[in-house]
Amino acid sequence: MLRRQTAECAQKVLWAADAFDQYAACMGEYPPDGELAGAQFPCAEMIQTFASMNIDWWGEATDLGGVWDWFRRGDQTGYIAITKPAVSEASMRRLDCLIDDGDLYSGMFRQYGYAYCYILTKQKYACVSTLQGVRATR
């Protein structure tokens, strides 16, 4: 059961990363951070981006417990966070193995206190319109 939950959580982290990157490509910067833990974004463009990618789970608990959160530093770096998960550090390390390097203190997925963060840095993207919405391409 925990393996499936970990795999589903890994998939959701990567889907959210795609959504935030898409937003950054089209808006020129990542969305603002704030009191967003476990809540929908107040930013209409981010809500639209999530909807276009069928991300309807952001306001729910993660598959590993805890809540989804978003932090932004400047306009070039953002963090998708799982705050206060209900599983052990070893379980979070297994998540890290699925999406990064398996080390919670290096790479793109890191532990910062009670939060585990997937780090995004804005790349150069082109914003492309599609019939389903807008998507970013590298």
N, C-alpha and C. Protein backbone atom coordinates (compact mmCIF):
# COMPACT_ATOMS: atom_id res chain seq x y z
N MET A 1 0.82 -1.20 0.00
CA MET A 1 0.00 0.00 0.00
C MET A 1 0.86 1.27 0.00
N LEU A 2 1.91 1.30 0.86
CA LEU A 2 2.77 2.47 0.93
C LEU A 2 3.54 2.68 -0.38
N ARG A 3 3.91 1.60 -1.04
CA ARG A 3 4.60 1.73 -2.34
C ARG A 3 3.71 2.43 -3.35
N ARG A 4 2.46 2.04 -3.42
CA ARG A 4 1.53 2.65 -4.35
C ARG A 4 1.32 4.12 -4.01
N GLN A 5 1.15 4.42 -2.72
CA GLN A 5 0.97 5.80 -2.29
C GLN A 5 2.20 6.64 -2.63
N THR A 6 3.37 6.08 -2.44
CA THR A 6 4.60 6.79 -2.75
C THR A 6 4.69 7.06 -4.25
N ALA A 7 4.37 6.07 -5.06
CA ALA A 7 4.40 6.24 -6.52
C ALA A 7 3.38 7.29 -6.97
N GLU A 8 2.18 7.27 -6.38
CA GLU A 8 1.16 8.26 -6.74
C GLU A 8 1.60 9.66 -6.32
N CYS A 9 2.22 9.77 -5.16
CA CYS A 9 2.70 11.08 -4.70
C CYS A 9 3.81 11.59 -5.62
N ALA A 10 4.70 10.70 -6.03
CA ALA A 10 5.78 11.08 -6.95
C ALA A 10 5.20 11.61 -8.26
N GLN A 11 4.21 10.92 -8.78
CA GLN A 11 3.57 11.36 -10.01
C GLN A 11 2.94 12.74 -9.84
N LYS A 12 2.30 12.97 -8.71
CA LYS A 12 1.66 14.26 -8.47
C LYS A 12 2.69 15.38 -8.33
N VAL A 13 3.82 15.11 -7.68
CA VAL A 13 4.88 16.13 -7.59
C VAL A 13 5.31 16.54 -8.99
N LEU A 14 5.51 15.56 -9.86
CA LEU A 14 5.96 15.87 -11.23
C LEU A 14 4.88 16.57 -12.04
N TRP A 15 3.61 16.20 -11.85
CA TRP A 15 2.52 16.91 -12.52
C TRP A 15 2.47 18.37 -12.06
N ALA A 16 2.59 18.57 -10.74
CA ALA A 16 2.57 19.94 -10.22
C ALA A 16 3.76 20.72 -10.76
N ALA A 17 4.93 20.09 -10.84
CA ALA A 17 6.11 20.76 -11.40
C ALA A 17 5.84 21.21 -12.82
N ASP A 18 5.22 20.35 -13.62
CA ASP A 18 4.87 20.74 -14.99
C ASP A 18 3.92 21.93 -15.00
N ALA A 19 2.94 21.93 -14.09
CA ALA A 19 1.97 23.02 -14.03
C ALA A 19 2.64 24.34 -13.64
N PHE A 20 3.52 24.30 -12.65
CA PHE A 20 4.20 25.54 -12.24
C PHE A 20 5.15 26.02 -13.34
N ASP A 21 5.81 25.10 -14.02
CA ASP A 21 6.68 25.50 -15.13
C ASP A 21 5.87 26.09 -16.28
N GLN A 22 4.71 25.52 -16.53
CA GLN A 22 3.83 26.06 -17.58
C GLN A 22 3.41 27.48 -17.22
N TYR A 23 3.02 27.68 -15.99
CA TYR A 23 2.64 29.02 -15.52
C TYR A 23 3.80 29.99 -15.72
N ALA A 24 5.01 29.58 -15.29
CA ALA A 24 6.18 30.46 -15.40
C ALA A 24 6.49 30.79 -16.86
N ALA A 25 6.30 29.82 -17.75
CA ALA A 25 6.56 30.06 -19.17
C ALA A 25 5.61 31.11 -19.74
N CYS A 26 4.37 31.04 -19.32
CA CYS A 26 3.36 31.93 -19.88
C CYS A 26 3.28 33.27 -19.18
N MET A 27 3.62 33.30 -17.88
CA MET A 27 3.47 34.54 -17.11
C MET A 27 4.80 35.25 -16.87
N GLY A 28 5.92 34.58 -17.16
CA GLY A 28 7.23 35.20 -17.00
C GLY A 28 7.85 35.00 -15.63
N GLU A 29 7.11 34.44 -14.71
CA GLU A 29 7.62 34.16 -13.37
C GLU A 29 6.72 33.13 -12.71
N TYR A 30 7.22 32.53 -11.63
CA TYR A 30 6.40 31.59 -10.89
C TYR A 30 5.32 32.35 -10.12
N PRO A 31 4.22 31.66 -9.77
CA PRO A 31 3.17 32.34 -9.00
C PRO A 31 3.68 32.74 -7.62
N PRO A 32 3.05 33.74 -7.02
CA PRO A 32 3.49 34.17 -5.69
C PRO A 32 3.23 33.08 -4.65
N ASP A 33 4.01 33.13 -3.58
CA ASP A 33 3.73 32.20 -2.48
C ASP A 33 2.86 32.92 -1.47
N GLY A 34 2.61 32.30 -0.36
CA GLY A 34 1.76 32.90 0.64
C GLY A 34 1.10 31.81 1.44
N GLU A 35 -0.07 32.06 1.89
CA GLU A 35 -0.81 31.10 2.70
C GLU A 35 -1.53 30.12 1.79
N LEU A 36 -0.75 29.26 1.14
CA LEU A 36 -1.32 28.37 0.15
C LEU A 36 -1.31 26.91 0.57
N ALA A 37 -0.82 26.61 1.75
CA ALA A 37 -0.72 25.22 2.18
C ALA A 37 -2.10 24.58 2.20
N GLY A 38 -2.25 23.54 1.41
CA GLY A 38 -3.50 22.80 1.40
C GLY A 38 -4.68 23.57 0.87
N ALA A 39 -4.44 24.65 0.14
CA ALA A 39 -5.54 25.45 -0.38
C ALA A 39 -5.35 25.69 -1.87
N GLN A 40 -6.42 26.06 -2.52
CA GLN A 40 -6.30 26.43 -3.93
C GLN A 40 -5.64 27.80 -4.03
N PHE A 41 -5.04 28.06 -5.16
CA PHE A 41 -4.36 29.33 -5.36
C PHE A 41 -5.35 30.47 -5.55
N PRO A 42 -5.06 31.63 -4.98
CA PRO A 42 -5.92 32.78 -5.22
C PRO A 42 -5.70 33.34 -6.62
N CYS A 43 -4.63 32.96 -7.27
CA CYS A 43 -4.27 33.45 -8.59
C CYS A 43 -5.09 32.72 -9.66
N ALA A 44 -5.91 33.44 -10.40
CA ALA A 44 -6.80 32.82 -11.39
C ALA A 44 -6.01 32.06 -12.45
N GLU A 45 -4.86 32.58 -12.86
CA GLU A 45 -4.08 31.90 -13.89
C GLU A 45 -3.57 30.54 -13.41
N MET A 46 -3.20 30.43 -12.12
CA MET A 46 -2.72 29.15 -11.61
C MET A 46 -3.87 28.17 -11.48
N ILE A 47 -5.03 28.65 -11.08
CA ILE A 47 -6.22 27.80 -11.01
C ILE A 47 -6.54 27.26 -12.40
N GLN A 48 -6.45 28.12 -13.42
CA GLN A 48 -6.71 27.69 -14.79
C GLN A 48 -5.66 26.68 -15.26
N THR A 49 -4.42 26.91 -14.90
CA THR A 49 -3.35 25.97 -15.27
C THR A 49 -3.60 24.61 -14.64
N PHE A 50 -3.92 24.59 -13.34
CA PHE A 50 -4.22 23.33 -12.67
C PHE A 50 -5.41 22.64 -13.34
N ALA A 51 -6.46 23.39 -13.63
CA ALA A 51 -7.66 22.80 -14.25
C ALA A 51 -7.33 22.20 -15.61
N SER A 52 -6.50 22.89 -16.39
CA SER A 52 -6.16 22.38 -17.73
C SER A 52 -5.35 21.09 -17.66
N MET A 53 -4.71 20.84 -16.51
CA MET A 53 -3.90 19.64 -16.34
C MET A 53 -4.57 18.62 -15.42
N ASN A 54 -5.86 18.83 -15.13
CA ASN A 54 -6.64 17.92 -14.27
C ASN A 54 -6.03 17.76 -12.88
N ILE A 55 -5.45 18.82 -12.36
CA ILE A 55 -4.92 18.80 -11.00
C ILE A 55 -6.02 19.34 -10.08
N ASP A 56 -6.77 18.41 -9.51
CA ASP A 56 -7.87 18.79 -8.63
C ASP A 56 -7.61 18.34 -7.19
N TRP A 57 -6.40 17.90 -6.94
CA TRP A 57 -6.05 17.32 -5.63
C TRP A 57 -5.18 18.26 -4.79
N TRP A 58 -4.81 19.42 -5.29
CA TRP A 58 -3.89 20.30 -4.56
C TRP A 58 -4.41 20.67 -3.17
N GLY A 59 -5.67 20.88 -3.02
CA GLY A 59 -6.23 21.26 -1.73
C GLY A 59 -6.45 20.11 -0.76
N GLU A 60 -6.12 18.90 -1.19
CA GLU A 60 -6.30 17.71 -0.35
C GLU A 60 -4.97 17.34 0.33
N ALA A 61 -5.04 16.42 1.29
CA ALA A 61 -3.82 15.88 1.88
C ALA A 61 -3.04 15.13 0.81
N THR A 62 -1.72 15.09 0.93
CA THR A 62 -0.92 14.32 -0.03
C THR A 62 -1.14 12.83 0.22
N ASP A 63 -0.71 12.02 -0.71
CA ASP A 63 -0.85 10.57 -0.57
C ASP A 63 -0.03 10.03 0.60
N LEU A 64 0.93 10.83 1.08
CA LEU A 64 1.79 10.42 2.20
C LEU A 64 1.47 11.21 3.47
N GLY A 65 0.31 11.83 3.49
CA GLY A 65 -0.07 12.67 4.63
C GLY A 65 0.53 14.05 4.47
N GLY A 66 0.17 14.93 5.34
CA GLY A 66 0.64 16.31 5.22
C GLY A 66 -0.12 17.05 4.13
N VAL A 67 0.32 18.26 3.83
CA VAL A 67 -0.37 19.09 2.84
C VAL A 67 0.59 19.55 1.76
N TRP A 68 0.02 19.85 0.60
CA TRP A 68 0.78 20.45 -0.49
C TRP A 68 0.99 21.92 -0.17
N ASP A 69 2.14 22.44 -0.55
CA ASP A 69 2.40 23.86 -0.36
C ASP A 69 3.29 24.35 -1.48
N TRP A 70 3.39 25.66 -1.62
CA TRP A 70 4.17 26.31 -2.66
C TRP A 70 4.91 27.49 -2.05
N PHE A 71 6.20 27.58 -2.35
CA PHE A 71 7.01 28.73 -1.92
C PHE A 71 7.74 29.26 -3.14
N ARG A 72 7.90 30.55 -3.21
CA ARG A 72 8.65 31.17 -4.31
C ARG A 72 9.75 32.03 -3.72
N ARG A 73 10.90 31.95 -4.34
CA ARG A 73 12.03 32.81 -3.98
C ARG A 73 12.45 33.56 -5.23
N GLY A 74 12.24 34.87 -5.23
CA GLY A 74 12.48 35.65 -6.44
C GLY A 74 11.49 35.22 -7.50
N ASP A 75 11.79 35.49 -8.76
CA ASP A 75 10.88 35.03 -9.80
C ASP A 75 11.47 33.85 -10.57
N GLN A 76 12.63 33.37 -10.15
CA GLN A 76 13.31 32.30 -10.88
C GLN A 76 13.29 30.95 -10.17
N THR A 77 12.92 30.88 -8.89
CA THR A 77 12.97 29.63 -8.13
C THR A 77 11.68 29.44 -7.34
N GLY A 78 11.19 28.21 -7.38
CA GLY A 78 10.00 27.86 -6.62
C GLY A 78 10.18 26.49 -5.98
N TYR A 79 9.37 26.21 -4.98
CA TYR A 79 9.45 24.96 -4.23
C TYR A 79 8.06 24.37 -4.09
N ILE A 80 7.86 23.16 -4.60
CA ILE A 80 6.65 22.40 -4.31
C ILE A 80 6.95 21.64 -3.03
N ALA A 81 6.16 21.87 -2.01
CA ALA A 81 6.47 21.28 -0.70
C ALA A 81 5.38 20.32 -0.25
N ILE A 82 5.83 19.27 0.41
CA ILE A 82 4.95 18.40 1.18
C ILE A 82 5.29 18.73 2.63
N THR A 83 4.36 19.39 3.30
CA THR A 83 4.59 19.87 4.65
C THR A 83 4.00 18.90 5.67
N LYS A 84 4.81 18.51 6.62
CA LYS A 84 4.42 17.62 7.72
C LYS A 84 3.79 16.31 7.23
N PRO A 85 4.53 15.52 6.42
CA PRO A 85 3.97 14.23 5.99
C PRO A 85 3.76 13.30 7.18
N ALA A 86 2.89 12.32 6.99
CA ALA A 86 2.57 11.38 8.07
C ALA A 86 3.42 10.11 8.01
N VAL A 87 4.43 10.09 7.15
CA VAL A 87 5.28 8.91 6.99
C VAL A 87 6.69 9.22 7.49
N SER A 88 7.49 8.19 7.59
CA SER A 88 8.86 8.33 8.10
C SER A 88 9.78 9.00 7.08
N GLU A 89 10.93 9.43 7.58
CA GLU A 89 11.96 9.99 6.69
C GLU A 89 12.39 8.94 5.66
N ALA A 90 12.44 7.68 6.06
CA ALA A 90 12.80 6.62 5.12
C ALA A 90 11.80 6.54 3.96
N SER A 91 10.53 6.73 4.25
CA SER A 91 9.51 6.75 3.19
C SER A 91 9.70 7.94 2.26
N MET A 92 10.06 9.08 2.83
CA MET A 92 10.30 10.27 2.00
C MET A 92 11.56 10.07 1.15
N ARG A 93 12.51 9.33 1.67
CA ARG A 93 13.71 9.01 0.89
C ARG A 93 13.35 8.13 -0.31
N ARG A 94 12.38 7.21 -0.12
CA ARG A 94 11.92 6.39 -1.24
C ARG A 94 11.25 7.26 -2.30
N LEU A 95 10.49 8.27 -1.85
CA LEU A 95 9.91 9.22 -2.80
C LEU A 95 11.02 9.93 -3.56
N ASP A 96 12.04 10.36 -2.85
CA ASP A 96 13.19 11.02 -3.46
C ASP A 96 13.83 10.12 -4.52
N CYS A 97 13.92 8.84 -4.25
CA CYS A 97 14.49 7.90 -5.23
C CYS A 97 13.68 7.87 -6.52
N LEU A 98 12.37 8.06 -6.42
CA LEU A 98 11.52 8.03 -7.60
C LEU A 98 11.60 9.30 -8.43
N ILE A 99 11.85 10.44 -7.81
CA ILE A 99 11.81 11.71 -8.54
C ILE A 99 13.16 12.42 -8.62
N ASP A 100 14.16 11.92 -7.87
CA ASP A 100 15.44 12.62 -7.86
C ASP A 100 16.57 11.63 -7.58
N ASP A 101 17.45 11.96 -6.65
CA ASP A 101 18.69 11.20 -6.45
C ASP A 101 18.70 10.31 -5.21
N GLY A 102 17.62 10.27 -4.43
CA GLY A 102 17.56 9.43 -3.25
C GLY A 102 18.24 10.00 -2.02
N ASP A 103 18.76 11.21 -2.12
CA ASP A 103 19.45 11.88 -1.00
C ASP A 103 18.64 13.13 -0.64
N LEU A 104 18.07 13.16 0.55
CA LEU A 104 17.22 14.28 0.96
C LEU A 104 17.98 15.57 1.24
N TYR A 105 19.29 15.53 1.12
CA TYR A 105 20.10 16.73 1.41
C TYR A 105 20.85 17.23 0.19
N SER A 106 20.53 16.68 -0.99
CA SER A 106 21.12 17.17 -2.24
C SER A 106 20.11 16.97 -3.36
N GLY A 107 20.39 17.52 -4.49
CA GLY A 107 19.51 17.35 -5.65
C GLY A 107 18.33 18.28 -5.63
N MET A 108 17.30 17.90 -6.38
CA MET A 108 16.11 18.74 -6.55
C MET A 108 15.04 18.51 -5.50
N PHE A 109 15.10 17.40 -4.77
CA PHE A 109 14.11 17.11 -3.72
C PHE A 109 14.87 17.04 -2.41
N ARG A 110 14.55 17.96 -1.50
CA ARG A 110 15.31 18.09 -0.26
C ARG A 110 14.40 18.27 0.94
N GLN A 111 14.95 17.89 2.09
CA GLN A 111 14.25 18.11 3.34
C GLN A 111 14.70 19.44 3.93
N TYR A 112 13.73 20.27 4.31
CA TYR A 112 13.98 21.53 5.01
C TYR A 112 13.09 21.52 6.25
N GLY A 113 13.64 21.12 7.37
CA GLY A 113 12.85 21.05 8.60
C GLY A 113 11.71 20.07 8.46
N TYR A 114 10.48 20.54 8.63
CA TYR A 114 9.31 19.67 8.57
C TYR A 114 8.71 19.59 7.16
N ALA A 115 9.39 20.19 6.17
CA ALA A 115 8.89 20.17 4.80
C ALA A 115 9.89 19.47 3.88
N TYR A 116 9.35 18.82 2.88
CA TYR A 116 10.14 18.17 1.83
C TYR A 116 9.82 18.91 0.54
N CYS A 117 10.84 19.48 -0.09
CA CYS A 117 10.61 20.40 -1.20
C CYS A 117 11.24 19.93 -2.50
N TYR A 118 10.46 20.02 -3.57
CA TYR A 118 10.95 19.78 -4.92
C TYR A 118 11.26 21.15 -5.51
N ILE A 119 12.50 21.37 -5.88
CA ILE A 119 12.98 22.69 -6.29
C ILE A 119 12.82 22.86 -7.80
N LEU A 120 12.21 23.97 -8.18
CA LEU A 120 12.06 24.31 -9.59
C LEU A 120 12.85 25.58 -9.89
N THR A 121 13.51 25.60 -11.01
CA THR A 121 14.15 26.83 -11.47
C THR A 121 13.64 27.12 -12.87
N LYS A 122 13.28 28.36 -13.10
CA LYS A 122 12.67 28.74 -14.37
C LYS A 122 13.65 28.52 -15.51
N GLN A 123 13.18 27.83 -16.51
CA GLN A 123 13.94 27.59 -17.74
C GLN A 123 13.39 28.52 -18.81
N LYS A 124 14.04 28.53 -19.94
CA LYS A 124 13.50 29.29 -21.07
C LYS A 124 12.50 28.39 -21.78
N TYR A 125 11.25 28.81 -21.77
CA TYR A 125 10.18 28.05 -22.38
C TYR A 125 9.48 28.93 -23.41
N ALA A 126 8.78 28.27 -24.29
CA ALA A 126 7.87 28.96 -25.18
C ALA A 126 6.46 28.58 -24.73
N CYS A 127 5.58 29.53 -24.72
CA CYS A 127 4.20 29.28 -24.34
C CYS A 127 3.43 28.93 -25.61
N VAL A 128 2.87 27.73 -25.67
CA VAL A 128 2.21 27.24 -26.87
C VAL A 128 0.73 27.00 -26.57
N SER A 129 -0.13 27.56 -27.38
CA SER A 129 -1.57 27.32 -27.22
C SER A 129 -1.94 25.99 -27.86
N THR A 130 -2.82 25.26 -27.20
CA THR A 130 -3.34 24.00 -27.73
C THR A 130 -4.84 24.02 -27.59
N LEU A 131 -5.50 23.04 -28.19
CA LEU A 131 -6.95 22.97 -28.04
C LEU A 131 -7.36 22.74 -26.59
N GLN A 132 -6.52 22.04 -25.83
CA GLN A 132 -6.84 21.77 -24.43
C GLN A 132 -6.45 22.91 -23.51
N GLY A 133 -5.72 23.87 -23.99
CA GLY A 133 -5.27 24.96 -23.14
C GLY A 133 -3.90 25.42 -23.55
N VAL A 134 -3.11 25.80 -22.59
CA VAL A 134 -1.78 26.31 -22.86
C VAL A 134 -0.78 25.35 -22.24
N ARG A 135 0.30 25.08 -22.92
CA ARG A 135 1.34 24.22 -22.34
C ARG A 135 2.70 24.83 -22.65
N ALA A 136 3.66 24.47 -21.84
CA ALA A 136 5.01 24.98 -22.02
C ALA A 136 5.84 23.93 -22.75
N THR A 137 6.72 24.40 -23.62
CA THR A 137 7.66 23.50 -24.28
C THR A 137 9.06 24.02 -24.05
N ARG A 138 10.00 23.09 -23.94
CA ARG A 138 11.38 23.49 -23.73
C ARG A 138 12.08 23.65 -25.04
